Amino acid sequence: MSDLWAAVATQARGLSPLEVVAVVSAIAYLLLAIRQNIWCWLGAAISTVIYVYLFFDARLYMESALNLFYVAMAIYGWSVWYFGRSGDEELPVSVWGRNVHAIALASIVVASILSGYLLARYTDAAYPYIDSMTTWAAIWATFLVARKVLENWWYWLVIDAASIVIYWSRDLQLTALLFVAYVVMIPFGLIAWRRTWREQMA
């Protein structure tokens, strides 16, 4: 544990201002998303624009490309949440069937194997297969958030846990700690959205 905090302290002394802004914006995004506040998408947009550069610099190319997608999804998510409202009622939380998720998971595995192979063969990417897996899964999970699908939280729990290891190994300790915070906060999002969904059903 002392080695962990020593590494964090070492990085803190030379923190990239960009990474600090990205982390703060990302935390704001998740806290607002848990509360189903539409302004979460602004935090997402700021954070992801910065991470496009940071991940490319760390040779996490799929993660960098993923954040380009996140920028577009921040715009899409805001528009869906805004135009999906009915008067004073927010866009409702929905639950999708198991068959949909089974197809999505199979597609994620296939896409990850293909892109992981290409990255391993033609680039100097770090962790090409794991990076691919978290990237394709995150694309799907982000779409679920934009559509306010309850199951998104389960995907993020797995994705963020894997991301902690990846980011720490690439000397993005502050970002790794961000994802530790994510893993801690995700259950609160799941509980809050499930409560909303049950109230809708009632």
C-alpha atoms as a PDB file:
ATOM      1  CA  MET A   1       0.000   0.000   0.000  1.00  0.00           C
ATOM      2  CA  SER A   2       2.880   2.375   0.766  1.00  0.00           C
ATOM      3  CA  ASP A   3       4.263   1.753  -2.734  1.00  0.00           C
ATOM      4  CA  LEU A   4       0.881   2.630  -4.184  1.00  0.00           C
ATOM      5  CA  TRP A   5       0.688   6.001  -2.477  1.00  0.00           C
ATOM      6  CA  ALA A   6       4.363   6.694  -3.202  1.00  0.00           C
ATOM      7  CA  ALA A   7       3.648   6.217  -6.901  1.00  0.00           C
ATOM      8  CA  VAL A   8       0.611   8.488  -6.686  1.00  0.00           C
ATOM      9  CA  ALA A   9       2.603  11.153  -4.821  1.00  0.00           C
ATOM     10  CA  THR A  10       5.383  10.984  -7.418  1.00  0.00           C
ATOM     11  CA  GLN A  11       2.954  11.497 -10.248  1.00  0.00           C
ATOM     12  CA  ALA A  12       1.077  14.221  -8.366  1.00  0.00           C
ATOM     13  CA  ARG A  13       4.244  16.332  -8.274  1.00  0.00           C
ATOM     14  CA  GLY A  14       4.356  16.321 -12.053  1.00  0.00           C
ATOM     15  CA  LEU A  15       0.666  16.185 -12.851  1.00  0.00           C
ATOM     16  CA  SER A  16      -0.452  17.182 -16.281  1.00  0.00           C
ATOM     17  CA  PRO A  17      -2.955  20.034 -15.939  1.00  0.00           C
ATOM     18  CA  LEU A  18      -4.864  18.451 -18.808  1.00  0.00           C
ATOM     19  CA  GLU A  19      -5.231  15.176 -16.927  1.00  0.00           C
ATOM     20  CA  VAL A  20      -6.490  17.027 -13.835  1.00  0.00           C
ATOM     21  CA  VAL A  21      -9.171  18.820 -15.860  1.00  0.00           C
ATOM     22  CA  ALA A  22     -10.115  15.566 -17.579  1.00  0.00           C
ATOM     23  CA  VAL A  23     -10.439  13.708 -14.271  1.00  0.00           C
ATOM     24  CA  VAL A  24     -12.506  16.455 -12.598  1.00  0.00           C
ATOM     25  CA  SER A  25     -14.812  16.674 -15.626  1.00  0.00           C
ATOM     26  CA  ALA A  26     -15.191  12.893 -15.724  1.00  0.00           C
ATOM     27  CA  ILE A  27     -16.152  12.754 -12.046  1.00  0.00           C
ATOM     28  CA  ALA A  28     -18.684  15.532 -12.627  1.00  0.00           C
ATOM     29  CA  TYR A  29     -20.097  13.519 -15.528  1.00  0.00           C
ATOM     30  CA  LEU A  30     -20.648  10.391 -13.445  1.00  0.00           C
ATOM     31  CA  LEU A  31     -22.130  12.213 -10.448  1.00  0.00           C
ATOM     32  CA  LEU A  32     -24.569  14.065 -12.695  1.00  0.00           C
ATOM     33  CA  ALA A  33     -25.382  10.874 -14.653  1.00  0.00           C
ATOM     34  CA  ILE A  34     -26.270   9.098 -11.416  1.00  0.00           C
ATOM     35  CA  ARG A  35     -28.731  11.918 -10.734  1.00  0.00           C
ATOM     36  CA  GLN A  36     -29.962  11.730 -14.356  1.00  0.00           C
ATOM     37  CA  ASN A  37     -28.986  15.363 -14.854  1.00  0.00           C
ATOM     38  CA  ILE A  38     -28.669  16.294 -18.525  1.00  0.00           C
ATOM     39  CA  TRP A  39     -25.609  18.455 -17.824  1.00  0.00           C
ATOM     40  CA  CYS A  40     -23.619  15.279 -17.311  1.00  0.00           C
ATOM     41  CA  TRP A  41     -23.026  15.332 -21.073  1.00  0.00           C
ATOM     42  CA  LEU A  42     -21.121  18.621 -20.847  1.00  0.00           C
ATOM     43  CA  GLY A  43     -18.713  17.067 -18.348  1.00  0.00           C
ATOM     44  CA  ALA A  44     -18.394  14.070 -20.658  1.00  0.00           C
ATOM     45  CA  ALA A  45     -17.566  16.260 -23.659  1.00  0.00           C
ATOM     46  CA  ILE A  46     -14.832  18.213 -21.852  1.00  0.00           C
ATOM     47  CA  SER A  47     -13.241  15.097 -20.390  1.00  0.00           C
ATOM     48  CA  THR A  48     -13.272  13.044 -23.564  1.00  0.00           C
ATOM     49  CA  VAL A  49     -11.756  15.747 -25.782  1.00  0.00           C
ATOM     50  CA  ILE A  50      -8.768  15.860 -23.442  1.00  0.00           C
ATOM     51  CA  TYR A  51      -8.472  12.082 -23.203  1.00  0.00           C
ATOM     52  CA  VAL A  52      -8.229  11.753 -26.986  1.00  0.00           C
ATOM     53  CA  TYR A  53      -4.790  13.349 -26.686  1.00  0.00           C
ATOM     54  CA  LEU A  54      -3.721  11.739 -23.402  1.00  0.00           C
ATOM     55  CA  PHE A  55      -4.450   8.175 -24.500  1.00  0.00           C
ATOM     56  CA  PHE A  56      -2.803   8.637 -27.895  1.00  0.00           C
ATOM     57  CA  ASP A  57       0.306   9.878 -26.127  1.00  0.00           C
ATOM     58  CA  ALA A  58       0.223   6.754 -23.898  1.00  0.00           C
ATOM     59  CA  ARG A  59      -0.018   4.512 -27.020  1.00  0.00           C
ATOM     60  CA  LEU A  60      -3.524   3.376 -26.104  1.00  0.00           C
ATOM     61  CA  TYR A  61      -4.802   3.942 -29.606  1.00  0.00           C
ATOM     62  CA  MET A  62      -8.144   2.205 -29.249  1.00  0.00           C
ATOM     63  CA  GLU A  63      -8.825   4.209 -26.081  1.00  0.00           C
ATOM     64  CA  SER A  64      -7.940   7.411 -27.938  1.00  0.00           C
ATOM     65  CA  ALA A  65     -10.281   6.505 -30.803  1.00  0.00           C
ATOM     66  CA  LEU A  66     -12.937   5.569 -28.266  1.00  0.00           C
ATOM     67  CA  ASN A  67     -12.838   9.064 -26.821  1.00  0.00           C
ATOM     68  CA  LEU A  68     -13.458  10.554 -30.246  1.00  0.00           C
ATOM     69  CA  PHE A  69     -16.595   8.438 -30.251  1.00  0.00           C
ATOM     70  CA  TYR A  70     -17.415   9.671 -26.731  1.00  0.00           C
ATOM     71  CA  VAL A  71     -17.369  13.278 -27.948  1.00  0.00           C
ATOM     72  CA  ALA A  72     -19.995  12.434 -30.551  1.00  0.00           C
ATOM     73  CA  MET A  73     -21.969  10.413 -27.996  1.00  0.00           C
ATOM     74  CA  ALA A  74     -21.959  13.345 -25.569  1.00  0.00           C
ATOM     75  CA  ILE A  75     -23.788  15.366 -28.226  1.00  0.00           C
ATOM     76  CA  TYR A  76     -26.084  12.440 -29.032  1.00  0.00           C
ATOM     77  CA  GLY A  77     -26.786  11.700 -25.357  1.00  0.00           C
ATOM     78  CA  TRP A  78     -27.680  15.306 -24.621  1.00  0.00           C
ATOM     79  CA  SER A  79     -30.056  15.429 -27.599  1.00  0.00           C
ATOM     80  CA  VAL A  80     -31.768  12.134 -26.662  1.00  0.00           C
ATOM     81  CA  TRP A  81     -32.199  13.164 -23.032  1.00  0.00           C
ATOM     82  CA  TYR A  82     -33.432  16.631 -24.035  1.00  0.00           C
ATOM     83  CA  PHE A  83     -35.842  15.720 -26.819  1.00  0.00           C
ATOM     84  CA  GLY A  84     -36.943  12.521 -25.067  1.00  0.00           C
ATOM     85  CA  ARG A  85     -38.570  14.517 -22.294  1.00  0.00           C
ATOM     86  CA  SER A  86     -42.327  14.831 -22.052  1.00  0.00           C
ATOM     87  CA  GLY A  87     -43.199  18.164 -20.499  1.00  0.00           C
ATOM     88  CA  ASP A  88     -41.568  18.213 -17.084  1.00  0.00           C
ATOM     89  CA  GLU A  89     -40.966  14.438 -17.196  1.00  0.00           C
ATOM     90  CA  GLU A  90     -37.435  13.283 -17.975  1.00  0.00           C
ATOM     91  CA  LEU A  91     -36.600  10.539 -20.475  1.00  0.00           C
ATOM     92  CA  PRO A  92     -37.666   7.314 -18.714  1.00  0.00           C
ATOM     93  CA  VAL A  93     -35.231   4.599 -17.640  1.00  0.00           C
ATOM     94  CA  SER A  94     -35.725   1.387 -19.640  1.00  0.00           C
ATOM     95  CA  VAL A  95     -34.671  -2.270 -19.351  1.00  0.00           C
ATOM     96  CA  TRP A  96     -33.674  -4.268 -22.431  1.00  0.00           C
ATOM     97  CA  GLY A  97     -34.090  -8.023 -22.894  1.00  0.00           C
ATOM     98  CA  ARG A  98     -31.394 -10.673 -22.377  1.00  0.00           C
ATOM     99  CA  ASN A  99     -31.306 -11.552 -26.070  1.00  0.00           C
ATOM    100  CA  VAL A 100     -30.220  -8.028 -26.938  1.00  0.00           C
ATOM    101  CA  HIS A 101     -27.358  -8.179 -24.451  1.00  0.00           C
ATOM    102  CA  ALA A 102     -26.325 -11.685 -25.577  1.00  0.00           C
ATOM    103  CA  ILE A 103     -25.994 -10.489 -29.167  1.00  0.00           C
ATOM    104  CA  ALA A 104     -24.125  -7.383 -28.012  1.00  0.00           C
ATOM    105  CA  LEU A 105     -21.641  -9.414 -25.943  1.00  0.00           C
ATOM    106  CA  ALA A 106     -20.964 -11.821 -28.811  1.00  0.00           C
ATOM    107  CA  SER A 107     -20.378  -8.880 -31.155  1.00  0.00           C
ATOM    108  CA  ILE A 108     -18.006  -7.264 -28.657  1.00  0.00           C
ATOM    109  CA  VAL A 109     -15.919 -10.445 -28.410  1.00  0.00           C
ATOM    110  CA  VAL A 110     -15.647 -10.832 -32.200  1.00  0.00           C
ATOM    111  CA  ALA A 111     -14.798  -7.163 -32.762  1.00  0.00           C
ATOM    112  CA  SER A 112     -12.202  -7.280 -29.964  1.00  0.00           C
ATOM    113  CA  ILE A 113     -10.433 -10.306 -31.427  1.00  0.00           C
ATOM    114  CA  LEU A 114     -10.261  -8.701 -34.871  1.00  0.00           C
ATOM    115  CA  SER A 115      -9.105  -5.258 -33.766  1.00  0.00           C
ATOM    116  CA  GLY A 116      -6.757  -6.745 -31.162  1.00  0.00           C
ATOM    117  CA  TYR A 117      -5.086  -8.844 -33.851  1.00  0.00           C
ATOM    118  CA  LEU A 118      -4.674  -5.849 -36.153  1.00  0.00           C
ATOM    119  CA  LEU A 119      -3.255  -3.696 -33.383  1.00  0.00           C
ATOM    120  CA  ALA A 120      -0.852  -6.410 -32.248  1.00  0.00           C
ATOM    121  CA  ARG A 121       0.359  -7.023 -35.796  1.00  0.00           C
ATOM    122  CA  TYR A 122       0.607  -3.523 -37.208  1.00  0.00           C
ATOM    123  CA  THR A 123       1.121  -1.134 -34.257  1.00  0.00           C
ATOM    124  CA  ASP A 124       3.068  -0.792 -31.027  1.00  0.00           C
ATOM    125  CA  ALA A 125      -0.168  -0.705 -29.018  1.00  0.00           C
ATOM    126  CA  ALA A 126      -0.011  -1.651 -25.343  1.00  0.00           C
ATOM    127  CA  TYR A 127      -2.407  -4.485 -24.384  1.00  0.00           C
ATOM    128  CA  PRO A 128      -4.060  -4.652 -27.825  1.00  0.00           C
ATOM    129  CA  TYR A 129      -6.681  -7.289 -26.954  1.00  0.00           C
ATOM    130  CA  ILE A 130      -7.674  -5.940 -23.535  1.00  0.00           C
ATOM    131  CA  ASP A 131      -7.648  -2.399 -24.907  1.00  0.00           C
ATOM    132  CA  SER A 132      -9.907  -3.553 -27.752  1.00  0.00           C
ATOM    133  CA  MET A 133     -12.277  -5.383 -25.416  1.00  0.00           C
ATOM    134  CA  THR A 134     -12.783  -2.413 -23.100  1.00  0.00           C
ATOM    135  CA  THR A 135     -13.153  -0.100 -26.099  1.00  0.00           C
ATOM    136  CA  TRP A 136     -15.875  -2.062 -27.911  1.00  0.00           C
ATOM    137  CA  ALA A 137     -17.705  -2.754 -24.648  1.00  0.00           C
ATOM    138  CA  ALA A 138     -17.565   0.930 -23.743  1.00  0.00           C
ATOM    139  CA  ILE A 139     -19.029   1.906 -27.118  1.00  0.00           C
ATOM    140  CA  TRP A 140     -22.041  -0.271 -26.396  1.00  0.00           C
ATOM    141  CA  ALA A 141     -22.306   0.840 -22.758  1.00  0.00           C
ATOM    142  CA  THR A 142     -22.174   4.506 -23.749  1.00  0.00           C
ATOM    143  CA  PHE A 143     -25.032   3.974 -26.191  1.00  0.00           C
ATOM    144  CA  LEU A 144     -27.008   2.385 -23.339  1.00  0.00           C
ATOM    145  CA  VAL A 145     -26.396   5.440 -21.145  1.00  0.00           C
ATOM    146  CA  ALA A 146     -27.548   7.727 -23.947  1.00  0.00           C
ATOM    147  CA  ARG A 147     -30.754   5.683 -24.234  1.00  0.00           C
ATOM    148  CA  LYS A 148     -31.084   5.534 -20.417  1.00  0.00           C
ATOM    149  CA  VAL A 149     -30.945   1.731 -20.303  1.00  0.00           C
ATOM    150  CA  LEU A 150     -30.526   0.428 -16.748  1.00  0.00           C
ATOM    151  CA  GLU A 151     -28.095  -2.368 -17.638  1.00  0.00           C
ATOM    152  CA  ASN A 152     -25.390   0.102 -18.661  1.00  0.00           C
ATOM    153  CA  TRP A 153     -24.134   0.117 -15.068  1.00  0.00           C
ATOM    154  CA  TRP A 154     -23.252  -3.594 -15.152  1.00  0.00           C
ATOM    155  CA  TYR A 155     -21.154  -3.120 -18.274  1.00  0.00           C
ATOM    156  CA  TRP A 156     -19.349  -0.161 -16.773  1.00  0.00           C
ATOM    157  CA  LEU A 157     -18.510  -2.092 -13.613  1.00  0.00           C
ATOM    158  CA  VAL A 158     -16.534  -4.648 -15.628  1.00  0.00           C
ATOM    159  CA  ILE A 159     -15.044  -2.124 -18.065  1.00  0.00           C
ATOM    160  CA  ASP A 160     -13.852   0.249 -15.361  1.00  0.00           C
ATOM    161  CA  ALA A 161     -12.327  -2.524 -13.251  1.00  0.00           C
ATOM    162  CA  ALA A 162     -10.245  -3.656 -16.244  1.00  0.00           C
ATOM    163  CA  SER A 163      -9.350  -0.067 -17.111  1.00  0.00           C
ATOM    164  CA  ILE A 164      -7.762   0.491 -13.689  1.00  0.00           C
ATOM    165  CA  VAL A 165      -5.048  -2.052 -14.494  1.00  0.00           C
ATOM    166  CA  ILE A 166      -4.471  -0.710 -18.016  1.00  0.00           C
ATOM    167  CA  TYR A 167      -4.134   2.942 -17.024  1.00  0.00           C
ATOM    168  CA  TRP A 168      -1.914   2.267 -14.026  1.00  0.00           C
ATOM    169  CA  SER A 169       0.490   0.249 -16.144  1.00  0.00           C
ATOM    170  CA  ARG A 170       0.730   3.118 -18.666  1.00  0.00           C
ATOM    171  CA  ASP A 171       1.674   5.664 -15.963  1.00  0.00           C
ATOM    172  CA  LEU A 172      -1.758   7.305 -15.884  1.00  0.00           C
ATOM    173  CA  GLN A 173      -2.108   6.847 -12.134  1.00  0.00           C
ATOM    174  CA  LEU A 174      -4.527   9.703 -11.599  1.00  0.00           C
ATOM    175  CA  THR A 175      -6.778   8.336 -14.307  1.00  0.00           C
ATOM    176  CA  ALA A 176      -6.491   4.864 -12.760  1.00  0.00           C
ATOM    177  CA  LEU A 177      -7.643   6.308  -9.429  1.00  0.00           C
ATOM    178  CA  LEU A 178     -10.513   7.998 -11.266  1.00  0.00           C
ATOM    179  CA  PHE A 179     -11.670   4.559 -12.378  1.00  0.00           C
ATOM    180  CA  VAL A 180     -11.335   3.242  -8.836  1.00  0.00           C
ATOM    181  CA  ALA A 181     -13.740   6.028  -7.847  1.00  0.00           C
ATOM    182  CA  TYR A 182     -15.973   5.004 -10.743  1.00  0.00           C
ATOM    183  CA  VAL A 183     -16.125   1.409  -9.530  1.00  0.00           C
ATOM    184  CA  VAL A 184     -17.109   2.667  -6.079  1.00  0.00           C
ATOM    185  CA  MET A 185     -19.795   5.012  -7.451  1.00  0.00           C
ATOM    186  CA  ILE A 186     -21.324   2.651 -10.015  1.00  0.00           C
ATOM    187  CA  PRO A 187     -23.467   0.746  -7.462  1.00  0.00           C
ATOM    188  CA  PHE A 188     -25.046   4.061  -6.457  1.00  0.00           C
ATOM    189  CA  GLY A 189     -25.940   4.720 -10.078  1.00  0.00           C
ATOM    190  CA  LEU A 190     -27.408   1.258 -10.444  1.00  0.00           C
ATOM    191  CA  ILE A 191     -29.505   1.652  -7.294  1.00  0.00           C
ATOM    192  CA  ALA A 192     -30.720   5.148  -8.239  1.00  0.00           C
ATOM    193  CA  TRP A 193     -31.693   4.190 -11.794  1.00  0.00           C
ATOM    194  CA  ARG A 194     -33.336   0.957 -10.639  1.00  0.00           C
ATOM    195  CA  ARG A 195     -35.412   2.949  -8.120  1.00  0.00           C
ATOM    196  CA  THR A 196     -36.515   5.303 -10.910  1.00  0.00           C
ATOM    197  CA  TRP A 197     -37.414   2.380 -13.164  1.00  0.00           C
ATOM    198  CA  ARG A 198     -39.482   0.713 -10.430  1.00  0.00           C
ATOM    199  CA  GLU A 199     -41.310   3.965  -9.759  1.00  0.00           C
ATOM    200  CA  GLN A 200     -42.119   4.203 -13.466  1.00  0.00           C
ATOM    201  CA  MET A 201     -43.429   0.620 -13.479  1.00  0.00           C
ATOM    202  CA  ALA A 202     -45.605   1.354 -10.457  1.00  0.00           C
END
